Amino acid sequence: MSDPVIAARSPIAVDVEAGKTYWWCTCGRSSQQPFCDGSHKGTDFAPQKYTAETSGKQWFCACKHTSKAPLCDGSHRNLP
């Protein structure tokens, strides 16, 4: 599998709704960051499903290197 594109070096805050499903971009190519717009087609990547358990602000990873996908774990601080 190839490496994802780093869409940003900081997380993206999104107000999510409890019970709603979101599709997080794993490839970094989407123009609708942090969510998928289909730009992964033809790559080894696929979007990741995320269903919000509660309503409120969540910080989605934009560097695509988090170990807690789709949410930020601070990995962007350690990128070269």
Protein backbone atom coordinates (compact mmCIF):
# COMPACT_ATOMS: atom_id res chain seq x y z
CA MET A 1 0.00 0.00 0.00
CA SER A 2 1.24 3.47 -0.81
CA ASP A 3 1.55 6.31 1.67
CA PRO A 4 -1.36 8.73 2.05
CA VAL A 5 -1.08 12.38 1.04
CA ILE A 6 -0.75 14.68 4.05
CA ALA A 7 -3.82 16.89 3.58
CA ALA A 8 -2.88 19.16 6.52
CA ARG A 9 -0.52 19.20 9.48
CA SER A 10 -3.24 19.95 12.00
CA PRO A 11 -6.59 18.29 12.78
CA ILE A 12 -9.90 19.51 11.40
CA ALA A 13 -12.68 20.32 13.86
CA VAL A 14 -16.12 19.10 12.85
CA ASP A 15 -19.43 19.39 14.71
CA VAL A 16 -20.88 15.88 14.40
CA GLU A 17 -24.40 14.64 15.12
CA ALA A 18 -25.05 11.56 17.27
CA GLY A 19 -26.01 8.56 15.15
CA LYS A 20 -24.91 10.15 11.88
CA THR A 21 -22.39 8.33 9.69
CA TYR A 22 -19.38 10.11 8.19
CA TRP A 23 -16.85 8.73 5.69
CA TRP A 24 -13.30 9.81 6.60
CA CYS A 25 -10.79 10.21 3.77
CA THR A 26 -7.82 7.86 4.25
CA CYS A 27 -5.90 8.80 1.09
CA GLY A 28 -5.54 12.54 1.74
CA ARG A 29 -6.58 13.44 -1.81
CA SER A 30 -10.16 14.56 -1.11
CA SER A 31 -11.07 18.19 -1.68
CA GLN A 32 -13.72 17.78 1.05
CA GLN A 33 -11.29 17.12 3.93
CA PRO A 34 -11.55 15.43 6.30
CA PHE A 35 -14.21 13.48 4.43
CA CYS A 36 -14.13 11.38 1.27
CA ASP A 37 -15.10 12.75 -2.14
CA GLY A 38 -14.12 9.64 -4.14
CA SER A 39 -10.62 10.85 -5.02
CA HIS A 40 -9.18 7.53 -3.81
CA LYS A 41 -10.52 5.68 -6.86
CA GLY A 42 -7.69 3.86 -8.59
CA THR A 43 -5.59 3.71 -5.40
CA ASP A 44 -5.19 1.18 -2.59
CA PHE A 45 -7.21 3.41 -0.26
CA ALA A 46 -10.86 3.31 0.80
CA PRO A 47 -12.80 5.67 3.07
CA GLN A 48 -13.31 4.72 6.71
CA LYS A 49 -16.78 4.72 8.22
CA TYR A 50 -17.28 6.74 11.41
CA THR A 51 -20.59 6.89 13.27
CA ALA A 52 -20.78 9.58 15.92
CA GLU A 53 -21.78 8.29 19.34
CA THR A 54 -22.55 11.77 20.70
CA SER A 55 -23.16 15.18 19.19
CA GLY A 56 -20.42 17.78 19.48
CA LYS A 57 -17.01 18.78 18.18
CA GLN A 58 -14.60 16.05 17.08
CA TRP A 59 -11.07 16.59 15.80
CA PHE A 60 -10.50 14.54 12.64
CA CYS A 61 -7.00 13.64 11.51
CA ALA A 62 -5.85 15.44 8.36
CA CYS A 63 -2.26 14.15 8.27
CA LYS A 64 -3.59 10.60 7.77
CA HIS A 65 -1.01 9.10 10.15
CA THR A 66 -3.12 8.78 13.31
CA SER A 67 -3.26 5.50 15.20
CA LYS A 68 -6.80 6.39 16.38
CA ALA A 69 -8.40 6.84 12.96
CA PRO A 70 -10.35 8.80 12.07
CA LEU A 71 -9.66 11.06 15.05
CA CYS A 72 -6.44 12.95 15.70
CA ASP A 73 -3.88 11.46 18.10
CA GLY A 74 -1.23 14.17 17.63
CA SER A 75 0.81 12.23 15.05
CA HIS A 76 1.06 15.39 12.90
CA ARG A 77 3.54 16.78 15.45
CA ASN A 78 6.03 14.01 14.62
CA LEU A 79 5.94 14.22 10.83
CA PRO A 80 9.14 15.21 9.01
